[in-house]
Amino acid sequence: MERLNLKLYLQNRYMVEENERLRKTAILLHQERQALLTELKKQRVHKPSPNPSPGPSPSLALGLSLDPGAGSSDRFANGSTDKVHKP
């Protein structure tokens, strides 16, 4: 019984460490995405396109916001990386 408990404890410990590693990676990716969206927004403000396309921009068609404060940015503030389903 002790051997089984030790095995389960070690497996749990490994999962917790892996979760923390993935959480840190998700936070870094989120920050990078926000920086890229901010840069894109600045480029669009400084350089308007000569022929606006009739359809939505590719970033808006993909559900991306150019507003760094919009969307799910606050979901990473508490360390949560739970997926949010957007219709």
PDB file of N, CA and C in Angstrom:
ATOM      1  N   MET A   1       0.828  -1.197   0.000  1.00  0.00           N
ATOM      2  CA  MET A   1       0.000   0.000   0.000  1.00  0.00           C
ATOM      3  C   MET A   1       0.872   1.262   0.000  1.00  0.00           C
ATOM      4  N   GLU A   2       1.941   1.250   0.810  1.00  0.00           N
ATOM      5  CA  GLU A   2       2.832   2.410   0.838  1.00  0.00           C
ATOM      6  C   GLU A   2       3.469   2.651  -0.516  1.00  0.00           C
ATOM      7  N   ARG A   3       3.825   1.584  -1.188  1.00  0.00           N
ATOM      8  CA  ARG A   3       4.459   1.698  -2.505  1.00  0.00           C
ATOM      9  C   ARG A   3       3.492   2.345  -3.508  1.00  0.00           C
ATOM     10  N   LEU A   4       2.235   1.947  -3.464  1.00  0.00           N
ATOM     11  CA  LEU A   4       1.226   2.528  -4.352  1.00  0.00           C
ATOM     12  C   LEU A   4       1.034   4.011  -4.037  1.00  0.00           C
ATOM     13  N   ASN A   5       0.958   4.350  -2.759  1.00  0.00           N
ATOM     14  CA  ASN A   5       0.816   5.754  -2.364  1.00  0.00           C
ATOM     15  C   ASN A   5       1.998   6.584  -2.852  1.00  0.00           C
ATOM     16  N   LEU A   6       3.201   6.061  -2.723  1.00  0.00           N
ATOM     17  CA  LEU A   6       4.387   6.773  -3.182  1.00  0.00           C
ATOM     18  C   LEU A   6       4.339   6.975  -4.692  1.00  0.00           C
ATOM     19  N   LYS A   7       3.953   5.940  -5.406  1.00  0.00           N
ATOM     20  CA  LYS A   7       3.861   6.032  -6.868  1.00  0.00           C
ATOM     21  C   LYS A   7       2.844   7.103  -7.277  1.00  0.00           C
ATOM     22  N   LEU A   8       1.681   7.102  -6.635  1.00  0.00           N
ATOM     23  CA  LEU A   8       0.655   8.089  -6.949  1.00  0.00           C
ATOM     24  C   LEU A   8       1.111   9.501  -6.570  1.00  0.00           C
ATOM     25  N   TYR A   9       1.789   9.624  -5.452  1.00  0.00           N
ATOM     26  CA  TYR A   9       2.315  10.914  -5.019  1.00  0.00           C
ATOM     27  C   TYR A   9       3.296  11.458  -6.048  1.00  0.00           C
ATOM     28  N   LEU A  10       4.207  10.624  -6.524  1.00  0.00           N
ATOM     29  CA  LEU A  10       5.196  11.063  -7.503  1.00  0.00           C
ATOM     30  C   LEU A  10       4.539  11.448  -8.837  1.00  0.00           C
ATOM     31  N   GLN A  11       3.535  10.685  -9.233  1.00  0.00           N
ATOM     32  CA  GLN A  11       2.813  11.024 -10.462  1.00  0.00           C
ATOM     33  C   GLN A  11       2.101  12.371 -10.308  1.00  0.00           C
ATOM     34  N   ASN A  12       1.479  12.579  -9.187  1.00  0.00           N
ATOM     35  CA  ASN A  12       0.796  13.832  -8.918  1.00  0.00           C
ATOM     36  C   ASN A  12       1.789  14.996  -8.916  1.00  0.00           C
ATOM     37  N   ARG A  13       2.909  14.790  -8.289  1.00  0.00           N
ATOM     38  CA  ARG A  13       3.948  15.820  -8.221  1.00  0.00           C
ATOM     39  C   ARG A  13       4.423  16.206  -9.618  1.00  0.00           C
ATOM     40  N   TYR A  14       4.633  15.196 -10.467  1.00  0.00           N
ATOM     41  CA  TYR A  14       5.058  15.442 -11.837  1.00  0.00           C
ATOM     42  C   TYR A  14       3.999  16.245 -12.598  1.00  0.00           C
ATOM     43  N   MET A  15       2.721  15.894 -12.420  1.00  0.00           N
ATOM     44  CA  MET A  15       1.644  16.609 -13.112  1.00  0.00           C
ATOM     45  C   MET A  15       1.557  18.066 -12.656  1.00  0.00           C
ATOM     46  N   VAL A  16       1.745  18.309 -11.370  1.00  0.00           N
ATOM     47  CA  VAL A  16       1.700  19.674 -10.851  1.00  0.00           C
ATOM     48  C   VAL A  16       2.847  20.497 -11.451  1.00  0.00           C
ATOM     49  N   GLU A  17       4.042  19.928 -11.506  1.00  0.00           N
ATOM     50  CA  GLU A  17       5.189  20.634 -12.082  1.00  0.00           C
ATOM     51  C   GLU A  17       4.971  20.914 -13.567  1.00  0.00           C
ATOM     52  N   GLU A  18       4.453  19.944 -14.282  1.00  0.00           N
ATOM     53  CA  GLU A  18       4.172  20.119 -15.711  1.00  0.00           C
ATOM     54  C   GLU A  18       3.102  21.188 -15.920  1.00  0.00           C
ATOM     55  N   ASN A  19       2.096  21.208 -15.069  1.00  0.00           N
ATOM     56  CA  ASN A  19       1.050  22.225 -15.151  1.00  0.00           C
ATOM     57  C   ASN A  19       1.635  23.620 -14.940  1.00  0.00           C
ATOM     58  N   GLU A  20       2.498  23.758 -13.976  1.00  0.00           N
ATOM     59  CA  GLU A  20       3.130  25.062 -13.724  1.00  0.00           C
ATOM     60  C   GLU A  20       3.979  25.502 -14.925  1.00  0.00           C
ATOM     61  N   ARG A  21       4.713  24.558 -15.505  1.00  0.00           N
ATOM     62  CA  ARG A  21       5.532  24.877 -16.677  1.00  0.00           C
ATOM     63  C   ARG A  21       4.646  25.328 -17.839  1.00  0.00           C
ATOM     64  N   LEU A  22       3.549  24.631 -18.070  1.00  0.00           N
ATOM     65  CA  LEU A  22       2.631  24.993 -19.149  1.00  0.00           C
ATOM     66  C   LEU A  22       1.942  26.331 -18.874  1.00  0.00           C
ATOM     67  N   ARG A  23       1.628  26.580 -17.620  1.00  0.00           N
ATOM     68  CA  ARG A  23       1.001  27.856 -17.250  1.00  0.00           C
ATOM     69  C   ARG A  23       1.946  29.023 -17.553  1.00  0.00           C
ATOM     70  N   LYS A  24       3.217  28.871 -17.214  1.00  0.00           N
ATOM     71  CA  LYS A  24       4.198  29.926 -17.494  1.00  0.00           C
ATOM     72  C   LYS A  24       4.348  30.148 -19.000  1.00  0.00           C
ATOM     73  N   THR A  25       4.355  29.055 -19.758  1.00  0.00           N
ATOM     74  CA  THR A  25       4.452  29.161 -21.207  1.00  0.00           C
ATOM     75  C   THR A  25       3.232  29.881 -21.777  1.00  0.00           C
ATOM     76  N   ALA A  26       2.048  29.563 -21.274  1.00  0.00           N
ATOM     77  CA  ALA A  26       0.817  30.205 -21.737  1.00  0.00           C
ATOM     78  C   ALA A  26       0.842  31.700 -21.445  1.00  0.00           C
ATOM     79  N   ILE A  27       1.336  32.072 -20.281  1.00  0.00           N
ATOM     80  CA  ILE A  27       1.411  33.495 -19.922  1.00  0.00           C
ATOM     81  C   ILE A  27       2.370  34.218 -20.848  1.00  0.00           C
ATOM     82  N   LEU A  28       3.531  33.616 -21.122  1.00  0.00           N
ATOM     83  CA  LEU A  28       4.491  34.238 -22.030  1.00  0.00           C
ATOM     84  C   LEU A  28       3.925  34.377 -23.442  1.00  0.00           C
ATOM     85  N   LEU A  29       3.238  33.358 -23.921  1.00  0.00           N
ATOM     86  CA  LEU A  29       2.621  33.430 -25.250  1.00  0.00           C
ATOM     87  C   LEU A  29       1.538  34.502 -25.301  1.00  0.00           C
ATOM     88  N   HIS A  30       0.773  34.619 -24.236  1.00  0.00           N
ATOM     89  CA  HIS A  30      -0.272  35.648 -24.171  1.00  0.00           C
ATOM     90  C   HIS A  30       0.358  37.041 -24.217  1.00  0.00           C
ATOM     91  N   GLN A  31       1.431  37.247 -23.465  1.00  0.00           N
ATOM     92  CA  GLN A  31       2.105  38.547 -23.457  1.00  0.00           C
ATOM     93  C   GLN A  31       2.682  38.865 -24.837  1.00  0.00           C
ATOM     94  N   GLU A  32       3.252  37.860 -25.489  1.00  0.00           N
ATOM     95  CA  GLU A  32       3.798  38.063 -26.829  1.00  0.00           C
ATOM     96  C   GLU A  32       2.679  38.429 -27.809  1.00  0.00           C
ATOM     97  N   ARG A  33       1.547  37.750 -27.706  1.00  0.00           N
ATOM     98  CA  ARG A  33       0.408  38.044 -28.580  1.00  0.00           C
ATOM     99  C   ARG A  33      -0.073  39.473 -28.369  1.00  0.00           C
ATOM    100  N   GLN A  34      -0.157  39.887 -27.113  1.00  0.00           N
ATOM    101  CA  GLN A  34      -0.599  41.252 -26.821  1.00  0.00           C
ATOM    102  C   GLN A  34       0.371  42.281 -27.405  1.00  0.00           C
ATOM    103  N   ALA A  35       1.675  42.019 -27.292  1.00  0.00           N
ATOM    104  CA  ALA A  35       2.677  42.937 -27.838  1.00  0.00           C
ATOM    105  C   ALA A  35       2.568  43.006 -29.363  1.00  0.00           C
ATOM    106  N   LEU A  36       2.368  41.874 -30.000  1.00  0.00           N
ATOM    107  CA  LEU A  36       2.232  41.846 -31.458  1.00  0.00           C
ATOM    108  C   LEU A  36       0.964  42.570 -31.912  1.00  0.00           C
ATOM    109  N   LEU A  37      -0.126  42.392 -31.180  1.00  0.00           N
ATOM    110  CA  LEU A  37      -1.364  43.093 -31.534  1.00  0.00           C
ATOM    111  C   LEU A  37      -1.204  44.605 -31.361  1.00  0.00           C
ATOM    112  N   THR A  38      -0.504  45.020 -30.326  1.00  0.00           N
ATOM    113  CA  THR A  38      -0.247  46.451 -30.110  1.00  0.00           C
ATOM    114  C   THR A  38       0.599  47.008 -31.249  1.00  0.00           C
ATOM    115  N   GLU A  39       1.625  46.263 -31.642  1.00  0.00           N
ATOM    116  CA  GLU A  39       2.480  46.695 -32.748  1.00  0.00           C
ATOM    117  C   GLU A  39       1.672  46.793 -34.040  1.00  0.00           C
ATOM    118  N   LEU A  40       0.833  45.822 -34.311  1.00  0.00           N
ATOM    119  CA  LEU A  40      -0.008  45.835 -35.499  1.00  0.00           C
ATOM    120  C   LEU A  40      -0.945  47.038 -35.485  1.00  0.00           C
ATOM    121  N   LYS A  41      -1.516  47.327 -34.333  1.00  0.00           N
ATOM    122  CA  LYS A  41      -2.419  48.460 -34.213  1.00  0.00           C
ATOM    123  C   LYS A  41      -1.677  49.766 -34.506  1.00  0.00           C
ATOM    124  N   LYS A  42      -0.459  49.906 -34.003  1.00  0.00           N
ATOM    125  CA  LYS A  42       0.332  51.107 -34.254  1.00  0.00           C
ATOM    126  C   LYS A  42       0.646  51.249 -35.736  1.00  0.00           C
ATOM    127  N   GLN A  43       0.979  50.133 -36.389  1.00  0.00           N
ATOM    128  CA  GLN A  43       1.289  50.170 -37.814  1.00  0.00           C
ATOM    129  C   GLN A  43       0.064  50.589 -38.618  1.00  0.00           C
ATOM    130  N   ARG A  44      -1.103  50.122 -38.248  1.00  0.00           N
ATOM    131  CA  ARG A  44      -2.328  50.475 -38.975  1.00  0.00           C
ATOM    132  C   ARG A  44      -2.695  51.933 -38.764  1.00  0.00           C
ATOM    133  N   VAL A  45      -2.401  52.478 -37.604  1.00  0.00           N
ATOM    134  CA  VAL A  45      -2.701  53.880 -37.341  1.00  0.00           C
ATOM    135  C   VAL A  45      -1.783  54.768 -38.159  1.00  0.00           C
ATOM    136  N   HIS A  46      -0.507  54.417 -38.256  1.00  0.00           N
ATOM    137  CA  HIS A  46       0.469  55.228 -38.965  1.00  0.00           C
ATOM    138  C   HIS A  46       0.422  55.027 -40.469  1.00  0.00           C
ATOM    139  N   LYS A  47      -0.115  53.930 -40.936  1.00  0.00           N
ATOM    140  CA  LYS A  47      -0.084  53.599 -42.344  1.00  0.00           C
ATOM    141  C   LYS A  47      -1.447  53.081 -42.800  1.00  0.00           C
ATOM    142  N   PRO A  48      -2.394  53.994 -43.102  1.00  0.00           N
ATOM    143  CA  PRO A  48      -3.692  53.506 -43.564  1.00  0.00           C
ATOM    144  C   PRO A  48      -3.564  52.887 -44.956  1.00  0.00           C
ATOM    145  N   SER A  49      -4.337  51.862 -45.217  1.00  0.00           N
ATOM    146  CA  SER A  49      -4.245  51.190 -46.506  1.00  0.00           C
ATOM    147  C   SER A  49      -4.915  52.047 -47.570  1.00  0.00           C
ATOM    148  N   PRO A  50      -4.320  52.115 -48.786  1.00  0.00           N
ATOM    149  CA  PRO A  50      -4.878  52.951 -49.852  1.00  0.00           C
ATOM    150  C   PRO A  50      -6.218  52.422 -50.373  1.00  0.00           C
ATOM    151  N   ASN A  51      -6.395  51.114 -50.430  1.00  0.00           N
ATOM    152  CA  ASN A  51      -7.638  50.508 -50.893  1.00  0.00           C
ATOM    153  C   ASN A  51      -8.207  49.631 -49.787  1.00  0.00           C
ATOM    154  N   PRO A  52      -9.114  50.162 -48.986  1.00  0.00           N
ATOM    155  CA  PRO A  52      -9.674  49.322 -47.926  1.00  0.00           C
ATOM    156  C   PRO A  52     -10.436  48.150 -48.538  1.00  0.00           C
ATOM    157  N   SER A  53     -10.247  46.987 -47.969  1.00  0.00           N
ATOM    158  CA  SER A  53     -10.915  45.799 -48.486  1.00  0.00           C
ATOM    159  C   SER A  53     -12.378  45.812 -48.068  1.00  0.00           C
ATOM    160  N   PRO A  54     -13.270  45.256 -48.894  1.00  0.00           N
ATOM    161  CA  PRO A  54     -14.690  45.276 -48.555  1.00  0.00           C
ATOM    162  C   PRO A  54     -15.050  44.349 -47.404  1.00  0.00           C
ATOM    163  N   GLY A  55     -14.266  43.286 -47.188  1.00  0.00           N
ATOM    164  CA  GLY A  55     -14.568  42.321 -46.131  1.00  0.00           C
ATOM    165  C   GLY A  55     -13.862  42.662 -44.836  1.00  0.00           C
ATOM    166  N   PRO A  56     -14.116  41.883 -43.825  1.00  0.00           N
ATOM    167  CA  PRO A  56     -13.433  42.111 -42.543  1.00  0.00           C
ATOM    168  C   PRO A  56     -11.954  41.789 -42.660  1.00  0.00           C
ATOM    169  N   SER A  57     -11.151  42.438 -41.820  1.00  0.00           N
ATOM    170  CA  SER A  57      -9.723  42.179 -41.847  1.00  0.00           C
ATOM    171  C   SER A  57      -9.456  40.755 -41.393  1.00  0.00           C
ATOM    172  N   PRO A  58      -8.342  40.144 -41.826  1.00  0.00           N
ATOM    173  CA  PRO A  58      -8.053  38.765 -41.437  1.00  0.00           C
ATOM    174  C   PRO A  58      -8.004  38.576 -39.932  1.00  0.00           C
ATOM    175  N   SER A  59      -7.465  39.556 -39.197  1.00  0.00           N
ATOM    176  CA  SER A  59      -7.374  39.395 -37.749  1.00  0.00           C
ATOM    177  C   SER A  59      -8.758  39.403 -37.111  1.00  0.00           C
ATOM    178  N   LEU A  60      -9.680  40.219 -37.649  1.00  0.00           N
ATOM    179  CA  LEU A  60     -11.023  40.245 -37.094  1.00  0.00           C
ATOM    180  C   LEU A  60     -11.798  39.001 -37.507  1.00  0.00           C
ATOM    181  N   ALA A  61     -11.508  38.499 -38.710  1.00  0.00           N
ATOM    182  CA  ALA A  61     -12.191  37.285 -39.159  1.00  0.00           C
ATOM    183  C   ALA A  61     -11.782  36.089 -38.303  1.00  0.00           C
ATOM    184  N   LEU A  62     -10.570  36.134 -37.753  1.00  0.00           N
ATOM    185  CA  LEU A  62     -10.099  35.048 -36.900  1.00  0.00           C
ATOM    186  C   LEU A  62     -10.527  35.229 -35.448  1.00  0.00           C
ATOM    187  N   GLY A  63     -11.209  36.326 -35.166  1.00  0.00           N
ATOM    188  CA  GLY A  63     -11.672  36.554 -33.795  1.00  0.00           C
ATOM    189  C   GLY A  63     -10.622  37.242 -32.938  1.00  0.00           C
ATOM    190  N   LEU A  64      -9.616  37.854 -33.576  1.00  0.00           N
ATOM    191  CA  LEU A  64      -8.574  38.550 -32.831  1.00  0.00           C
ATOM    192  C   LEU A  64      -8.966  40.006 -32.683  1.00  0.00           C
ATOM    193  N   SER A  65      -8.663  40.569 -31.559  1.00  0.00           N
ATOM    194  CA  SER A  65      -8.961  41.969 -31.318  1.00  0.00           C
ATOM    195  C   SER A  65      -7.684  42.779 -31.416  1.00  0.00           C
ATOM    196  N   LEU A  66      -7.784  43.980 -31.964  1.00  0.00           N
ATOM    197  CA  LEU A  66      -6.627  44.867 -32.003  1.00  0.00           C
ATOM    198  C   LEU A  66      -6.509  45.657 -30.713  1.00  0.00           C
ATOM    199  N   ASP A  67      -7.505  45.564 -29.875  1.00  0.00           N
ATOM    200  CA  ASP A  67      -7.496  46.258 -28.592  1.00  0.00           C
ATOM    201  C   ASP A  67      -6.872  45.351 -27.540  1.00  0.00           C
ATOM    202  N   PRO A  68      -5.657  45.721 -27.029  1.00  0.00           N
ATOM    203  CA  PRO A  68      -5.006  44.850 -26.042  1.00  0.00           C
ATOM    204  C   PRO A  68      -5.828  44.665 -24.774  1.00  0.00           C
ATOM    205  N   GLY A  69      -6.740  45.578 -24.474  1.00  0.00           N
ATOM    206  CA  GLY A  69      -7.546  45.449 -23.276  1.00  0.00           C
ATOM    207  C   GLY A  69      -8.796  44.614 -23.482  1.00  0.00           C
ATOM    208  N   ALA A  70      -9.088  44.296 -24.726  1.00  0.00           N
ATOM    209  CA  ALA A  70     -10.316  43.550 -25.009  1.00  0.00           C
ATOM    210  C   ALA A  70     -10.073  42.058 -24.919  1.00  0.00           C
ATOM    211  N   GLY A  71     -11.138  41.330 -24.773  1.00  0.00           N
ATOM    212  CA  GLY A  71     -11.044  39.883 -24.847  1.00  0.00           C
ATOM    213  C   GLY A  71     -10.691  39.233 -23.543  1.00  0.00           C
ATOM    214  N   SER A  72      -9.757  38.293 -23.610  1.00  0.00           N
ATOM    215  CA  SER A  72      -9.489  37.430 -22.465  1.00  0.00           C
ATOM    216  C   SER A  72      -8.205  37.777 -21.735  1.00  0.00           C
ATOM    217  N   SER A  73      -7.699  39.006 -21.878  1.00  0.00           N
ATOM    218  CA  SER A  73      -6.426  39.322 -21.244  1.00  0.00           C
ATOM    219  C   SER A  73      -6.494  39.211 -19.727  1.00  0.00           C
ATOM    220  N   ASP A  74      -7.649  39.504 -19.134  1.00  0.00           N
ATOM    221  CA  ASP A  74      -7.757  39.433 -17.673  1.00  0.00           C
ATOM    222  C   ASP A  74      -7.801  37.993 -17.187  1.00  0.00           C
ATOM    223  N   ARG A  75      -8.014  37.047 -18.067  1.00  0.00           N
ATOM    224  CA  ARG A  75      -8.099  35.657 -17.629  1.00  0.00           C
ATOM    225  C   ARG A  75      -6.734  35.128 -17.237  1.00  0.00           C
ATOM    226  N   PHE A  76      -5.667  35.775 -17.669  1.00  0.00           N
ATOM    227  CA  PHE A  76      -4.332  35.342 -17.299  1.00  0.00           C
ATOM    228  C   PHE A  76      -3.817  36.080 -16.071  1.00  0.00           C
ATOM    229  N   ALA A  77      -4.512  37.097 -15.640  1.00  0.00           N
ATOM    230  CA  ALA A  77      -4.070  37.872 -14.489  1.00  0.00           C
ATOM    231  C   ALA A  77      -4.021  37.024 -13.227  1.00  0.00           C
ATOM    232  N   ASN A  78      -4.930  36.091 -13.096  1.00  0.00           N
ATOM    233  CA  ASN A  78      -4.941  35.253 -11.902  1.00  0.00           C
ATOM    234  C   ASN A  78      -4.231  33.933 -12.123  1.00  0.00           C
ATOM    235  N   GLY A  79      -3.559  33.790 -13.280  1.00  0.00           N
ATOM    236  CA  GLY A  79      -2.823  32.563 -13.555  1.00  0.00           C
ATOM    237  C   GLY A  79      -3.665  31.493 -14.199  1.00  0.00           C
ATOM    238  N   SER A  80      -4.940  31.765 -14.436  1.00  0.00           N
ATOM    239  CA  SER A  80      -5.820  30.767 -15.032  1.00  0.00           C
ATOM    240  C   SER A  80      -5.565  30.683 -16.528  1.00  0.00           C
ATOM    241  N   THR A  81      -5.478  29.482 -17.025  1.00  0.00           N
ATOM    242  CA  THR A  81      -5.314  29.304 -18.468  1.00  0.00           C
ATOM    243  C   THR A  81      -6.461  28.489 -19.028  1.00  0.00           C
ATOM    244  N   ASP A  82      -7.589  28.484 -18.327  1.00  0.00           N
ATOM    245  CA  ASP A  82      -8.755  27.748 -18.794  1.00  0.00           C
ATOM    246  C   ASP A  82      -9.184  28.314 -20.135  1.00  0.00           C
ATOM    247  N   LYS A  83      -9.551  27.428 -21.045  1.00  0.00           N
ATOM    248  CA  LYS A  83      -9.983  27.862 -22.360  1.00  0.00           C
ATOM    249  C   LYS A  83     -11.372  28.477 -22.267  1.00  0.00           C
ATOM    250  N   VAL A  84     -11.562  29.538 -23.047  1.00  0.00           N
ATOM    251  CA  VAL A  84     -12.861  30.183 -23.126  1.00  0.00           C
ATOM    252  C   VAL A  84     -13.367  29.963 -24.527  1.00  0.00           C
ATOM    253  N   HIS A  85     -14.566  29.402 -24.641  1.00  0.00           N
ATOM    254  CA  HIS A  85     -15.150  29.141 -25.945  1.00  0.00           C
ATOM    255  C   HIS A  85     -15.842  30.396 -26.441  1.00  0.00           C
ATOM    256  N   LYS A  86     -15.429  30.870 -27.616  1.00  0.00           N
ATOM    257  CA  LYS A  86     -16.066  32.026 -28.219  1.00  0.00           C
ATOM    258  C   LYS A  86     -16.850  31.546 -29.427  1.00  0.00           C
ATOM    259  N   PRO A  87     -18.082  31.997 -29.568  1.00  0.00           N
ATOM    260  CA  PRO A  87     -18.893  31.551 -30.711  1.00  0.00           C
ATOM    261  C   PRO A  87     -18.386  32.120 -32.013  1.00  0.00           C
TER     262      PRO A  87
END
